């Protein structure tokens, strides 16, 4: 029987003056990224993108 292991998605937010960068990664490989003016907005966009990827059936 073959075991299937799904990959883990991770959201990170870093300060890149004057903006904040968000990234969604899987095992160190960038899946999506963007920039926002505030830390809260960047965190929201990162998690929103991760949710949309999961809702679309992302599992590669």
C-alpha atoms as a PDB file:
ATOM      1  CA  UNK A   1       0.000   0.000   0.000  1.00  0.00           C
ATOM      2  CA  UNK A   2       1.415   3.369  -1.026  1.00  0.00           C
ATOM      3  CA  UNK A   3       1.456   6.089   1.585  1.00  0.00           C
ATOM      4  CA  UNK A   4       0.600   9.590   0.431  1.00  0.00           C
ATOM      5  CA  UNK A   5       1.972  12.500   2.361  1.00  0.00           C
ATOM      6  CA  UNK A   6       0.723  15.995   1.622  1.00  0.00           C
ATOM      7  CA  UNK A   7       3.126  18.891   1.705  1.00  0.00           C
ATOM      8  CA  UNK A   8       2.951  21.594   4.336  1.00  0.00           C
ATOM      9  CA  UNK A   9       2.179  25.164   3.304  1.00  0.00           C
ATOM     10  CA  UNK A  10       3.844  27.912   5.318  1.00  0.00           C
ATOM     11  CA  UNK A  11       3.224  31.673   5.436  1.00  0.00           C
ATOM     12  CA  UNK A  12       6.010  34.113   6.287  1.00  0.00           C
ATOM     13  CA  UNK A  13       5.976  37.889   6.604  1.00  0.00           C
ATOM     14  CA  UNK A  14       9.163  39.981   6.495  1.00  0.00           C
ATOM     15  CA  UNK A  15       9.813  43.703   6.621  1.00  0.00           C
ATOM     16  CA  UNK A  16      11.280  45.033   3.381  1.00  0.00           C
ATOM     17  CA  UNK A  17      11.287  48.802   4.041  1.00  0.00           C
ATOM     18  CA  UNK A  18       9.081  50.613   3.370  1.00  0.00           C
ATOM     19  CA  UNK A  19       6.713  47.650   2.802  1.00  0.00           C
ATOM     20  CA  UNK A  20       6.049  44.168   4.167  1.00  0.00           C
ATOM     21  CA  UNK A  21       6.527  41.064   2.034  1.00  0.00           C
ATOM     22  CA  UNK A  22       4.429  37.931   2.431  1.00  0.00           C
ATOM     23  CA  UNK A  23       5.294  34.504   1.007  1.00  0.00           C
ATOM     24  CA  UNK A  24       3.547  31.163   0.855  1.00  0.00           C
ATOM     25  CA  UNK A  25       6.079  28.344   0.629  1.00  0.00           C
ATOM     26  CA  UNK A  26       6.110  24.568   0.536  1.00  0.00           C
ATOM     27  CA  UNK A  27       9.286  22.832   1.698  1.00  0.00           C
ATOM     28  CA  UNK A  28      11.249  26.019   0.998  1.00  0.00           C
ATOM     29  CA  UNK A  29       9.837  26.469  -2.512  1.00  0.00           C
ATOM     30  CA  UNK A  30       7.944  29.731  -3.039  1.00  0.00           C
ATOM     31  CA  UNK A  31       4.383  29.218  -4.271  1.00  0.00           C
ATOM     32  CA  UNK A  32       3.119  32.829  -4.081  1.00  0.00           C
ATOM     33  CA  UNK A  33       4.267  36.197  -2.747  1.00  0.00           C
ATOM     34  CA  UNK A  34       3.376  39.868  -2.612  1.00  0.00           C
ATOM     35  CA  UNK A  35       3.870  43.176  -0.823  1.00  0.00           C
ATOM     36  CA  UNK A  36       1.598  45.217   1.443  1.00  0.00           C
ATOM     37  CA  UNK A  37       1.963  48.524   3.282  1.00  0.00           C
ATOM     38  CA  UNK A  38       1.342  47.102   6.768  1.00  0.00           C
ATOM     39  CA  UNK A  39       2.274  43.957   8.670  1.00  0.00           C
ATOM     40  CA  UNK A  40      -1.338  43.057   9.451  1.00  0.00           C
ATOM     41  CA  UNK A  41      -2.347  43.420   5.803  1.00  0.00           C
ATOM     42  CA  UNK A  42       0.618  41.315   4.667  1.00  0.00           C
ATOM     43  CA  UNK A  43      -0.220  38.543   7.139  1.00  0.00           C
ATOM     44  CA  UNK A  44      -3.863  38.609   6.019  1.00  0.00           C
ATOM     45  CA  UNK A  45      -2.933  38.367   2.323  1.00  0.00           C
ATOM     46  CA  UNK A  46      -0.508  35.518   3.000  1.00  0.00           C
ATOM     47  CA  UNK A  47      -3.057  33.463   4.910  1.00  0.00           C
ATOM     48  CA  UNK A  48      -5.809  34.339   2.442  1.00  0.00           C
ATOM     49  CA  UNK A  49      -3.655  33.066  -0.420  1.00  0.00           C
ATOM     50  CA  UNK A  50      -2.845  29.882   1.496  1.00  0.00           C
ATOM     51  CA  UNK A  51      -6.571  29.320   2.110  1.00  0.00           C
ATOM     52  CA  UNK A  52      -7.386  29.856  -1.574  1.00  0.00           C
ATOM     53  CA  UNK A  53      -4.677  27.365  -2.588  1.00  0.00           C
ATOM     54  CA  UNK A  54      -6.069  24.761  -0.208  1.00  0.00           C
ATOM     55  CA  UNK A  55      -9.662  25.436  -1.310  1.00  0.00           C
ATOM     56  CA  UNK A  56      -8.595  24.927  -4.929  1.00  0.00           C
ATOM     57  CA  UNK A  57      -7.197  21.512  -4.036  1.00  0.00           C
ATOM     58  CA  UNK A  58      -3.491  22.329  -3.893  1.00  0.00           C
ATOM     59  CA  UNK A  59      -1.526  19.246  -2.884  1.00  0.00           C
ATOM     60  CA  UNK A  60       1.563  19.058  -5.071  1.00  0.00           C
END
